[in-house]
Amino acid sequence: MSTFAVTYFYSADPAQLAEVRPLHREWLSGHFSTGSLLASGPKVDTPGALLIWSAESVEELATVLDNDPFDIAGFIGERVIEEWNPIFGPWSS
């Protein structure tokens, strides 16, 4: 398994995000309980989020992320998936 850092840049306004957020968080919670989502949360000063995932490949993860309710609603203007090599911390090898 590889570790990936995913950055979301939202294209929706806060009110739109708030409407879908419960579904989005339920979806995230399911992936967190299986161990594929390691951490996630909104950015403080920009409209977006950082998510840390464990997956076999970037292609596999992209397919999973396509099912995020925020993505389905069209609220993610840009999504960046980067493989990450944590040297220190709970996800280091």
C-alpha atoms as a PDB file:
ATOM      1  CA  MET A   1       0.000   0.000   0.000  1.00  0.00           C
ATOM      2  CA  SER A   2       1.087   3.543  -0.708  1.00  0.00           C
ATOM      3  CA  THR A   3       0.194   6.746   1.108  1.00  0.00           C
ATOM      4  CA  PHE A   4      -1.358   9.645  -0.787  1.00  0.00           C
ATOM      5  CA  ALA A   5      -1.997  13.287   0.056  1.00  0.00           C
ATOM      6  CA  VAL A   6      -5.116  14.587  -1.659  1.00  0.00           C
ATOM      7  CA  THR A   7      -5.911  18.276  -1.852  1.00  0.00           C
ATOM      8  CA  TYR A   8      -9.396  19.482  -2.682  1.00  0.00           C
ATOM      9  CA  PHE A   9     -10.019  23.030  -3.888  1.00  0.00           C
ATOM     10  CA  TYR A  10     -13.719  23.804  -3.577  1.00  0.00           C
ATOM     11  CA  SER A  11     -15.670  25.597  -6.285  1.00  0.00           C
ATOM     12  CA  ALA A  12     -18.915  25.831  -4.294  1.00  0.00           C
ATOM     13  CA  ASP A  13     -19.884  28.474  -1.790  1.00  0.00           C
ATOM     14  CA  PRO A  14     -20.068  27.648   1.940  1.00  0.00           C
ATOM     15  CA  ALA A  15     -23.865  27.312   1.923  1.00  0.00           C
ATOM     16  CA  GLN A  16     -23.763  24.727  -0.872  1.00  0.00           C
ATOM     17  CA  LEU A  17     -21.002  22.794   0.898  1.00  0.00           C
ATOM     18  CA  ALA A  18     -23.001  22.817   4.137  1.00  0.00           C
ATOM     19  CA  GLU A  19     -25.963  21.174   2.389  1.00  0.00           C
ATOM     20  CA  VAL A  20     -23.933  18.179   1.199  1.00  0.00           C
ATOM     21  CA  ARG A  21     -21.407  18.043   4.070  1.00  0.00           C
ATOM     22  CA  PRO A  22     -23.341  15.436   6.116  1.00  0.00           C
ATOM     23  CA  LEU A  23     -23.263  12.993   3.176  1.00  0.00           C
ATOM     24  CA  HIS A  24     -19.610  13.813   2.492  1.00  0.00           C
ATOM     25  CA  ARG A  25     -18.646  13.169   6.127  1.00  0.00           C
ATOM     26  CA  GLU A  26     -20.653   9.948   6.245  1.00  0.00           C
ATOM     27  CA  TRP A  27     -18.813   8.781   3.118  1.00  0.00           C
ATOM     28  CA  LEU A  28     -15.451   9.738   4.679  1.00  0.00           C
ATOM     29  CA  SER A  29     -16.354   7.994   7.931  1.00  0.00           C
ATOM     30  CA  GLY A  30     -16.962   4.745   6.082  1.00  0.00           C
ATOM     31  CA  HIS A  31     -13.515   4.897   4.490  1.00  0.00           C
ATOM     32  CA  PHE A  32     -11.914   5.871   7.806  1.00  0.00           C
ATOM     33  CA  SER A  33     -13.467   2.839   9.515  1.00  0.00           C
ATOM     34  CA  THR A  34     -11.968   0.524   6.871  1.00  0.00           C
ATOM     35  CA  GLY A  35      -8.517   2.090   7.260  1.00  0.00           C
ATOM     36  CA  SER A  36      -8.226   3.492   3.753  1.00  0.00           C
ATOM     37  CA  LEU A  37      -8.735   7.103   4.877  1.00  0.00           C
ATOM     38  CA  LEU A  38      -6.044   7.978   7.410  1.00  0.00           C
ATOM     39  CA  ALA A  39      -6.925  11.620   8.119  1.00  0.00           C
ATOM     40  CA  SER A  40      -8.924  14.467   6.637  1.00  0.00           C
ATOM     41  CA  GLY A  41     -10.089  17.950   7.372  1.00  0.00           C
ATOM     42  CA  PRO A  42     -10.814  21.353   5.896  1.00  0.00           C
ATOM     43  CA  LYS A  43      -8.103  23.914   5.358  1.00  0.00           C
ATOM     44  CA  VAL A  44      -8.322  26.942   7.633  1.00  0.00           C
ATOM     45  CA  ASP A  45      -7.510  29.854   5.310  1.00  0.00           C
ATOM     46  CA  THR A  46      -8.520  28.537   1.895  1.00  0.00           C
ATOM     47  CA  PRO A  47     -11.680  26.866   0.570  1.00  0.00           C
ATOM     48  CA  GLY A  48     -10.480  23.287   0.407  1.00  0.00           C
ATOM     49  CA  ALA A  49      -9.370  20.228   2.317  1.00  0.00           C
ATOM     50  CA  LEU A  50      -6.450  17.876   2.853  1.00  0.00           C
ATOM     51  CA  LEU A  51      -7.058  14.125   2.944  1.00  0.00           C
ATOM     52  CA  ILE A  52      -4.483  11.409   3.634  1.00  0.00           C
ATOM     53  CA  TRP A  53      -5.244   8.013   2.100  1.00  0.00           C
ATOM     54  CA  SER A  54      -3.785   4.537   1.875  1.00  0.00           C
ATOM     55  CA  ALA A  55      -4.325   2.883  -1.515  1.00  0.00           C
ATOM     56  CA  GLU A  56      -2.717   0.497  -3.974  1.00  0.00           C
ATOM     57  CA  SER A  57      -2.419   3.107  -6.732  1.00  0.00           C
ATOM     58  CA  VAL A  58      -3.328   6.630  -7.733  1.00  0.00           C
ATOM     59  CA  GLU A  59      -5.803   5.181 -10.248  1.00  0.00           C
ATOM     60  CA  GLU A  60      -7.561   3.134  -7.559  1.00  0.00           C
ATOM     61  CA  LEU A  61      -7.759   6.154  -5.285  1.00  0.00           C
ATOM     62  CA  ALA A  62      -9.059   8.401  -8.071  1.00  0.00           C
ATOM     63  CA  THR A  63     -11.902   5.941  -8.638  1.00  0.00           C
ATOM     64  CA  VAL A  64     -12.749   6.009  -4.920  1.00  0.00           C
ATOM     65  CA  LEU A  65     -12.644   9.818  -4.826  1.00  0.00           C
ATOM     66  CA  ASP A  66     -14.983  10.050  -7.818  1.00  0.00           C
ATOM     67  CA  ASN A  67     -17.688   8.738  -5.466  1.00  0.00           C
ATOM     68  CA  ASP A  68     -17.279  11.499  -2.880  1.00  0.00           C
ATOM     69  CA  PRO A  69     -20.629  13.306  -2.560  1.00  0.00           C
ATOM     70  CA  PHE A  70     -18.791  16.645  -2.892  1.00  0.00           C
ATOM     71  CA  ASP A  71     -17.366  15.490  -6.231  1.00  0.00           C
ATOM     72  CA  ILE A  72     -20.689  14.093  -7.429  1.00  0.00           C
ATOM     73  CA  ALA A  73     -22.326  17.446  -6.606  1.00  0.00           C
ATOM     74  CA  GLY A  74     -19.656  19.250  -8.647  1.00  0.00           C
ATOM     75  CA  PHE A  75     -18.244  21.109  -5.631  1.00  0.00           C
ATOM     76  CA  ILE A  76     -14.587  20.214  -6.182  1.00  0.00           C
ATOM     77  CA  GLY A  77     -13.055  22.601  -8.692  1.00  0.00           C
ATOM     78  CA  GLU A  78      -9.664  20.908  -8.563  1.00  0.00           C
ATOM     79  CA  ARG A  79      -8.400  17.700  -6.994  1.00  0.00           C
ATOM     80  CA  VAL A  80      -4.689  16.972  -6.643  1.00  0.00           C
ATOM     81  CA  ILE A  81      -3.517  13.453  -5.760  1.00  0.00           C
ATOM     82  CA  GLU A  82       0.141  13.034  -4.858  1.00  0.00           C
ATOM     83  CA  GLU A  83       1.943   9.976  -3.556  1.00  0.00           C
ATOM     84  CA  TRP A  84       3.512  10.855  -0.227  1.00  0.00           C
ATOM     85  CA  ASN A  85       6.414   9.264   1.636  1.00  0.00           C
ATOM     86  CA  PRO A  86       5.961  10.031   5.345  1.00  0.00           C
ATOM     87  CA  ILE A  87       9.324   9.685   7.076  1.00  0.00           C
ATOM     88  CA  PHE A  88       8.180  10.560  10.605  1.00  0.00           C
ATOM     89  CA  GLY A  89       4.814  10.011  12.192  1.00  0.00           C
ATOM     90  CA  PRO A  90       2.142   7.373  12.484  1.00  0.00           C
ATOM     91  CA  TRP A  91       2.126   6.500   8.767  1.00  0.00           C
ATOM     92  CA  SER A  92       5.880   6.166   8.233  1.00  0.00           C
ATOM     93  CA  SER A  93       7.238   2.801   7.147  1.00  0.00           C
END
